[in-house]
Amino acid sequence: MSAISELNVTPLIDLAFSLLIIFMITTPLLEHTIPLDLPSQESPSGALQEDRRHEQISIIGPGEYYWKEQRLNREELLPVLRELGGQITPPILHIRADRQLPYQEIVTLMDLLGQHNLTEISLDTAVGN
C-alpha cells in the first residue's frame, strides 16, 4: 500500500463556492434603505479613494436630510457639519438627492458644506437608467 501524496482540494472548493454564494446574497442587502429616485449618469465615475472615510447625506425634501440613518432638519445638521469640518482629515461626503428635488436644495447643501470646509463631495447617481 502506498501513501497518498496529493492534497484533496474538493472541500476547499466547496467552501469557496459557499462563501461566494453567501456574499452574493448579502451584498444587495447592504445597500441604503432610504428610497430615492436618483438621477442617472452615462458612465460610471472613477474609482473611489479607498484610504479615505466616506460619509453620506441624503436629501429627501426641502430642508429635510438624512445623516446616515438619522433624519435631521437643516438646524440639526449644522452641528454635525461643524464637527466634520473640524477634523484633521474630513471625510468625502456623498450627496444623494431625489431626482424630483429642486436643484436649489442641492446647491444650498453644498453651500453649507463649503462654509464648514467640507470641500470633497460626490453627487451620487443611479447608473444606467
N, C-alpha and C. Protein backbone atom coordinates (compact mmCIF):
# COMPACT_ATOMS: atom_id res chain seq x y z
N MET A 1 0.82 -1.17 0.00
CA MET A 1 0.00 0.00 0.00
C MET A 1 0.88 1.25 0.00
N SER A 2 0.57 2.22 -0.86
CA SER A 2 1.37 3.43 -0.93
C SER A 2 0.59 4.61 -0.31
N ALA A 3 1.34 5.58 0.17
CA ALA A 3 0.73 6.76 0.78
C ALA A 3 0.22 7.71 -0.31
N ILE A 4 -0.89 8.40 0.00
CA ILE A 4 -1.45 9.37 -0.96
C ILE A 4 -0.65 10.66 -0.82
N SER A 5 -0.06 11.09 -1.92
CA SER A 5 0.79 12.27 -1.86
C SER A 5 0.08 13.52 -2.41
N GLU A 6 -1.21 13.41 -2.74
CA GLU A 6 -1.95 14.55 -3.27
C GLU A 6 -2.86 15.13 -2.19
N LEU A 7 -3.05 16.42 -2.27
CA LEU A 7 -3.92 17.11 -1.33
C LEU A 7 -5.33 17.14 -1.92
N ASN A 8 -6.31 16.75 -1.15
CA ASN A 8 -7.69 16.77 -1.61
C ASN A 8 -8.24 18.19 -1.44
N VAL A 9 -8.43 18.89 -2.56
CA VAL A 9 -8.89 20.28 -2.53
C VAL A 9 -10.40 20.41 -2.71
N THR A 10 -11.11 19.33 -2.85
CA THR A 10 -12.56 19.39 -3.04
C THR A 10 -13.26 20.12 -1.90
N PRO A 11 -12.94 19.84 -0.63
CA PRO A 11 -13.61 20.59 0.45
C PRO A 11 -13.29 22.09 0.41
N LEU A 12 -12.08 22.45 -0.01
CA LEU A 12 -11.73 23.87 -0.11
C LEU A 12 -12.52 24.56 -1.21
N ILE A 13 -12.72 23.88 -2.32
CA ILE A 13 -13.51 24.45 -3.41
C ILE A 13 -14.96 24.60 -2.97
N ASP A 14 -15.49 23.61 -2.26
CA ASP A 14 -16.86 23.72 -1.75
C ASP A 14 -17.00 24.90 -0.81
N LEU A 15 -16.02 25.11 0.04
CA LEU A 15 -16.04 26.24 0.96
C LEU A 15 -16.00 27.56 0.20
N ALA A 16 -15.15 27.65 -0.80
CA ALA A 16 -15.04 28.88 -1.59
C ALA A 16 -16.35 29.20 -2.28
N PHE A 17 -16.99 28.21 -2.88
CA PHE A 17 -18.27 28.45 -3.54
C PHE A 17 -19.36 28.81 -2.54
N SER A 18 -19.34 28.21 -1.36
CA SER A 18 -20.32 28.56 -0.33
C SER A 18 -20.17 30.01 0.11
N LEU A 19 -18.92 30.45 0.32
CA LEU A 19 -18.68 31.83 0.70
C LEU A 19 -19.08 32.79 -0.42
N LEU A 20 -18.81 32.42 -1.65
CA LEU A 20 -19.19 33.25 -2.79
C LEU A 20 -20.71 33.44 -2.82
N ILE A 21 -21.45 32.38 -2.63
CA ILE A 21 -22.91 32.46 -2.64
C ILE A 21 -23.41 33.32 -1.49
N ILE A 22 -22.82 33.16 -0.30
CA ILE A 22 -23.22 33.98 0.85
C ILE A 22 -22.98 35.45 0.56
N PHE A 23 -21.82 35.81 0.01
CA PHE A 23 -21.54 37.21 -0.30
C PHE A 23 -22.45 37.74 -1.40
N MET A 24 -22.79 36.91 -2.38
CA MET A 24 -23.68 37.36 -3.45
C MET A 24 -25.07 37.64 -2.91
N ILE A 25 -25.50 36.91 -1.91
CA ILE A 25 -26.82 37.12 -1.35
C ILE A 25 -26.85 38.32 -0.40
N THR A 26 -25.81 38.50 0.41
CA THR A 26 -25.82 39.56 1.41
C THR A 26 -25.42 40.93 0.87
N THR A 27 -24.68 41.01 -0.21
CA THR A 27 -24.23 42.30 -0.73
C THR A 27 -25.40 43.23 -1.09
N PRO A 28 -26.43 42.79 -1.80
CA PRO A 28 -27.54 43.71 -2.09
C PRO A 28 -28.26 44.20 -0.83
N LEU A 29 -28.20 43.45 0.24
CA LEU A 29 -28.86 43.86 1.48
C LEU A 29 -28.12 44.99 2.18
N LEU A 30 -26.86 45.22 1.81
CA LEU A 30 -26.06 46.26 2.43
C LEU A 30 -26.36 47.64 1.83
N GLU A 31 -27.14 47.69 0.77
CA GLU A 31 -27.47 48.97 0.14
C GLU A 31 -28.31 49.80 1.08
N HIS A 32 -28.36 51.09 0.83
CA HIS A 32 -29.07 52.00 1.70
C HIS A 32 -30.57 51.80 1.56
N THR A 33 -31.28 51.98 2.67
CA THR A 33 -32.70 51.70 2.70
C THR A 33 -33.57 52.93 2.51
N ILE A 34 -32.98 54.10 2.37
CA ILE A 34 -33.76 55.31 2.16
C ILE A 34 -34.14 55.35 0.69
N PRO A 35 -35.45 55.26 0.36
CA PRO A 35 -35.85 55.20 -1.04
C PRO A 35 -35.75 56.58 -1.71
N LEU A 36 -34.91 56.65 -2.73
CA LEU A 36 -34.76 57.87 -3.52
C LEU A 36 -34.76 57.50 -4.99
N ASP A 37 -35.24 58.40 -5.80
CA ASP A 37 -35.18 58.23 -7.25
C ASP A 37 -34.00 59.06 -7.73
N LEU A 38 -32.80 58.43 -7.76
CA LEU A 38 -31.57 59.13 -8.09
C LEU A 38 -31.50 59.44 -9.59
N PRO A 39 -30.91 60.58 -9.96
CA PRO A 39 -30.67 60.84 -11.37
C PRO A 39 -29.64 59.86 -11.92
N SER A 40 -29.64 59.65 -13.21
CA SER A 40 -28.74 58.67 -13.79
C SER A 40 -27.53 59.36 -14.42
N GLN A 41 -26.53 58.57 -14.73
CA GLN A 41 -25.34 59.07 -15.41
C GLN A 41 -25.02 58.12 -16.55
N GLU A 42 -24.27 58.61 -17.51
CA GLU A 42 -23.96 57.82 -18.70
C GLU A 42 -22.95 56.71 -18.43
N SER A 43 -21.88 57.05 -17.73
CA SER A 43 -20.84 56.05 -17.47
C SER A 43 -20.42 56.15 -16.01
N PRO A 44 -19.95 55.04 -15.44
CA PRO A 44 -19.53 55.08 -14.04
C PRO A 44 -18.36 56.03 -13.84
N SER A 45 -18.35 56.71 -12.71
CA SER A 45 -17.26 57.64 -12.42
C SER A 45 -16.01 56.87 -12.03
N GLY A 46 -14.93 57.60 -11.79
CA GLY A 46 -13.65 56.97 -11.45
C GLY A 46 -13.71 56.22 -10.14
N ALA A 47 -12.67 55.49 -9.86
CA ALA A 47 -12.62 54.68 -8.64
C ALA A 47 -12.59 55.57 -7.41
N LEU A 48 -13.21 55.12 -6.34
CA LEU A 48 -13.24 55.85 -5.09
C LEU A 48 -11.88 55.75 -4.40
N GLN A 49 -11.57 56.76 -3.62
CA GLN A 49 -10.34 56.71 -2.85
C GLN A 49 -10.60 55.79 -1.67
N GLU A 50 -9.93 54.66 -1.65
CA GLU A 50 -10.19 53.63 -0.64
C GLU A 50 -9.60 53.98 0.72
N ASP A 51 -8.58 54.84 0.76
CA ASP A 51 -7.93 55.12 2.03
C ASP A 51 -8.62 56.22 2.82
N ARG A 52 -9.64 56.85 2.25
CA ARG A 52 -10.37 57.93 2.93
C ARG A 52 -11.71 57.42 3.43
N ARG A 53 -12.20 58.05 4.49
CA ARG A 53 -13.52 57.71 5.02
C ARG A 53 -14.58 58.38 4.16
N HIS A 54 -15.65 57.67 3.89
CA HIS A 54 -16.76 58.18 3.09
C HIS A 54 -18.00 58.23 3.95
N GLU A 55 -18.70 59.36 3.93
CA GLU A 55 -19.96 59.52 4.65
C GLU A 55 -21.01 59.96 3.64
N GLN A 56 -22.27 59.87 4.05
CA GLN A 56 -23.35 60.13 3.11
C GLN A 56 -24.42 61.02 3.72
N ILE A 57 -24.89 61.98 2.93
CA ILE A 57 -26.00 62.83 3.30
C ILE A 57 -27.07 62.65 2.22
N SER A 58 -28.29 62.34 2.63
CA SER A 58 -29.40 62.19 1.69
C SER A 58 -30.35 63.36 1.88
N ILE A 59 -30.86 63.90 0.78
CA ILE A 59 -31.84 64.98 0.82
C ILE A 59 -33.17 64.40 0.35
N ILE A 60 -34.19 64.46 1.20
CA ILE A 60 -35.47 63.88 0.82
C ILE A 60 -36.51 64.95 0.52
N GLY A 61 -36.25 66.17 0.91
CA GLY A 61 -37.17 67.27 0.65
C GLY A 61 -36.51 68.57 1.04
N PRO A 62 -37.19 69.70 0.79
CA PRO A 62 -36.61 70.99 1.16
C PRO A 62 -36.31 71.07 2.66
N GLY A 63 -35.04 71.18 3.01
CA GLY A 63 -34.63 71.29 4.41
C GLY A 63 -34.72 70.00 5.20
N GLU A 64 -34.94 68.85 4.53
CA GLU A 64 -35.05 67.56 5.21
C GLU A 64 -33.90 66.66 4.75
N TYR A 65 -33.08 66.26 5.70
CA TYR A 65 -31.88 65.49 5.39
C TYR A 65 -31.84 64.20 6.18
N TYR A 66 -31.04 63.27 5.68
CA TYR A 66 -30.68 62.07 6.44
C TYR A 66 -29.17 62.06 6.56
N TRP A 67 -28.69 61.99 7.79
CA TRP A 67 -27.28 61.78 8.05
C TRP A 67 -27.16 60.34 8.51
N LYS A 68 -26.55 59.50 7.68
CA LYS A 68 -26.55 58.05 7.88
C LYS A 68 -28.00 57.60 7.91
N GLU A 69 -28.52 57.12 9.02
CA GLU A 69 -29.92 56.67 9.09
C GLU A 69 -30.78 57.63 9.91
N GLN A 70 -30.24 58.75 10.33
CA GLN A 70 -30.94 59.68 11.22
C GLN A 70 -31.51 60.85 10.42
N ARG A 71 -32.82 61.09 10.58
CA ARG A 71 -33.48 62.19 9.89
C ARG A 71 -33.22 63.49 10.64
N LEU A 72 -32.77 64.53 9.92
CA LEU A 72 -32.43 65.82 10.51
C LEU A 72 -33.02 66.95 9.69
N ASN A 73 -33.28 68.08 10.34
CA ASN A 73 -33.60 69.28 9.58
C ASN A 73 -32.31 70.08 9.43
N ARG A 74 -32.37 71.23 8.77
CA ARG A 74 -31.16 72.00 8.48
C ARG A 74 -30.45 72.43 9.77
N GLU A 75 -31.20 72.87 10.78
CA GLU A 75 -30.59 73.33 12.03
C GLU A 75 -29.91 72.18 12.78
N GLU A 76 -30.46 70.98 12.70
CA GLU A 76 -29.86 69.82 13.37
C GLU A 76 -28.64 69.31 12.61
N LEU A 77 -28.56 69.61 11.32
CA LEU A 77 -27.43 69.16 10.51
C LEU A 77 -26.19 70.02 10.75
N LEU A 78 -26.37 71.28 11.10
CA LEU A 78 -25.23 72.19 11.25
C LEU A 78 -24.20 71.72 12.27
N PRO A 79 -24.57 71.25 13.48
CA PRO A 79 -23.53 70.76 14.40
C PRO A 79 -22.76 69.55 13.87
N VAL A 80 -23.44 68.70 13.11
CA VAL A 80 -22.76 67.54 12.51
C VAL A 80 -21.71 68.01 11.51
N LEU A 81 -22.08 68.99 10.68
CA LEU A 81 -21.14 69.52 9.68
C LEU A 81 -19.99 70.25 10.37
N ARG A 82 -20.28 70.97 11.45
CA ARG A 82 -19.24 71.68 12.19
C ARG A 82 -18.22 70.70 12.75
N GLU A 83 -18.71 69.58 13.28
CA GLU A 83 -17.80 68.56 13.84
C GLU A 83 -16.95 67.93 12.74
N LEU A 84 -17.56 67.61 11.60
CA LEU A 84 -16.80 67.02 10.49
C LEU A 84 -15.76 67.98 9.95
N GLY A 85 -16.13 69.25 9.83
CA GLY A 85 -15.20 70.26 9.31
C GLY A 85 -14.02 70.50 10.23
N GLY A 86 -14.17 70.21 11.52
CA GLY A 86 -13.09 70.41 12.47
C GLY A 86 -12.10 69.26 12.53
N GLN A 87 -12.38 68.18 11.82
CA GLN A 87 -11.47 67.03 11.84
C GLN A 87 -10.23 67.30 11.00
N ILE A 88 -9.15 66.61 11.33
CA ILE A 88 -7.88 66.79 10.60
C ILE A 88 -8.05 66.36 9.14
N THR A 89 -8.62 65.20 8.92
CA THR A 89 -8.91 64.75 7.56
C THR A 89 -10.41 64.49 7.47
N PRO A 90 -11.17 65.49 7.03
CA PRO A 90 -12.62 65.29 6.93
C PRO A 90 -12.96 64.23 5.89
N PRO A 91 -14.09 63.57 6.06
CA PRO A 91 -14.45 62.51 5.11
C PRO A 91 -14.89 63.08 3.77
N ILE A 92 -14.91 62.21 2.78
CA ILE A 92 -15.50 62.56 1.50
C ILE A 92 -17.01 62.36 1.66
N LEU A 93 -17.78 63.38 1.34
CA LEU A 93 -19.22 63.33 1.54
C LEU A 93 -19.94 63.00 0.24
N HIS A 94 -20.80 62.01 0.29
CA HIS A 94 -21.62 61.63 -0.85
C HIS A 94 -23.00 62.23 -0.65
N ILE A 95 -23.45 63.00 -1.63
CA ILE A 95 -24.76 63.62 -1.56
C ILE A 95 -25.72 62.81 -2.42
N ARG A 96 -26.80 62.34 -1.79
CA ARG A 96 -27.85 61.60 -2.50
C ARG A 96 -29.11 62.45 -2.44
N ALA A 97 -29.67 62.75 -3.60
CA ALA A 97 -30.87 63.57 -3.65
C ALA A 97 -31.86 62.95 -4.64
N ASP A 98 -33.12 63.07 -4.31
CA ASP A 98 -34.17 62.57 -5.18
C ASP A 98 -34.16 63.33 -6.50
N ARG A 99 -34.46 62.65 -7.57
CA ARG A 99 -34.46 63.23 -8.91
C ARG A 99 -35.44 64.40 -9.02
N GLN A 100 -36.56 64.34 -8.31
CA GLN A 100 -37.60 65.37 -8.40
C GLN A 100 -37.33 66.58 -7.50
N LEU A 101 -36.30 66.52 -6.68
CA LEU A 101 -35.98 67.59 -5.76
C LEU A 101 -35.45 68.80 -6.52
N PRO A 102 -35.90 70.02 -6.17
CA PRO A 102 -35.33 71.20 -6.84
C PRO A 102 -33.82 71.28 -6.64
N TYR A 103 -33.12 71.62 -7.70
CA TYR A 103 -31.66 71.65 -7.66
C TYR A 103 -31.13 72.65 -6.65
N GLN A 104 -31.93 73.67 -6.34
CA GLN A 104 -31.53 74.68 -5.37
C GLN A 104 -31.25 74.05 -4.00
N GLU A 105 -31.95 72.98 -3.66
CA GLU A 105 -31.72 72.31 -2.38
C GLU A 105 -30.33 71.69 -2.32
N ILE A 106 -29.88 71.15 -3.44
CA ILE A 106 -28.53 70.58 -3.51
C ILE A 106 -27.49 71.69 -3.39
N VAL A 107 -27.74 72.81 -4.08
CA VAL A 107 -26.82 73.95 -4.02
C VAL A 107 -26.75 74.50 -2.60
N THR A 108 -27.89 74.59 -1.92
CA THR A 108 -27.92 75.07 -0.54
C THR A 108 -27.09 74.16 0.36
N LEU A 109 -27.23 72.84 0.20
CA LEU A 109 -26.43 71.92 0.99
C LEU A 109 -24.95 72.07 0.67
N MET A 110 -24.61 72.23 -0.60
CA MET A 110 -23.20 72.40 -0.97
C MET A 110 -22.63 73.69 -0.37
N ASP A 111 -23.46 74.75 -0.28
CA ASP A 111 -23.02 75.98 0.38
C ASP A 111 -22.74 75.73 1.86
N LEU A 112 -23.62 74.98 2.53
CA LEU A 112 -23.41 74.65 3.93
C LEU A 112 -22.12 73.86 4.12
N LEU A 113 -21.87 72.91 3.22
CA LEU A 113 -20.64 72.11 3.30
C LEU A 113 -19.41 73.01 3.11
N GLY A 114 -19.47 73.92 2.15
CA GLY A 114 -18.36 74.83 1.91
C GLY A 114 -18.08 75.74 3.09
N GLN A 115 -19.14 76.18 3.80
CA GLN A 115 -18.96 77.03 4.97
C GLN A 115 -18.24 76.31 6.10
N HIS A 116 -18.32 74.98 6.10
CA HIS A 116 -17.67 74.19 7.15
C HIS A 116 -16.40 73.49 6.64
N ASN A 117 -15.83 73.98 5.54
CA ASN A 117 -14.59 73.46 4.96
C ASN A 117 -14.69 72.00 4.56
N LEU A 118 -15.86 71.57 4.15
CA LEU A 118 -16.07 70.21 3.64
C LEU A 118 -16.18 70.33 2.12
N THR A 119 -15.04 70.24 1.46
CA THR A 119 -15.00 70.53 0.03
C THR A 119 -14.91 69.30 -0.85
N GLU A 120 -14.68 68.14 -0.27
CA GLU A 120 -14.59 66.93 -1.09
C GLU A 120 -15.94 66.23 -1.04
N ILE A 121 -16.68 66.37 -2.15
CA ILE A 121 -18.03 65.81 -2.21
C ILE A 121 -18.20 64.99 -3.47
N SER A 122 -19.22 64.17 -3.46
CA SER A 122 -19.58 63.36 -4.61
C SER A 122 -21.10 63.38 -4.72
N LEU A 123 -21.61 63.61 -5.91
CA LEU A 123 -23.05 63.57 -6.15
C LEU A 123 -23.39 62.19 -6.67
N ASP A 124 -24.11 61.41 -5.87
CA ASP A 124 -24.44 60.04 -6.24
C ASP A 124 -25.57 60.00 -7.25
N THR A 125 -25.45 59.11 -8.21
CA THR A 125 -26.47 58.92 -9.24
C THR A 125 -26.75 57.44 -9.40
N ALA A 126 -27.86 57.14 -10.03
CA ALA A 126 -28.16 55.74 -10.39
C ALA A 126 -27.48 55.45 -11.71
N VAL A 127 -26.78 54.35 -11.80
CA VAL A 127 -26.02 54.01 -13.00
C VAL A 127 -26.93 53.30 -14.01
N GLY A 128 -26.90 53.81 -15.25
CA GLY A 128 -27.54 53.10 -16.35
C GLY A 128 -29.03 53.27 -16.50
N ASN A 129 -29.67 54.20 -15.84
CA ASN A 129 -31.11 54.40 -16.04
C ASN A 129 -31.37 55.53 -16.97
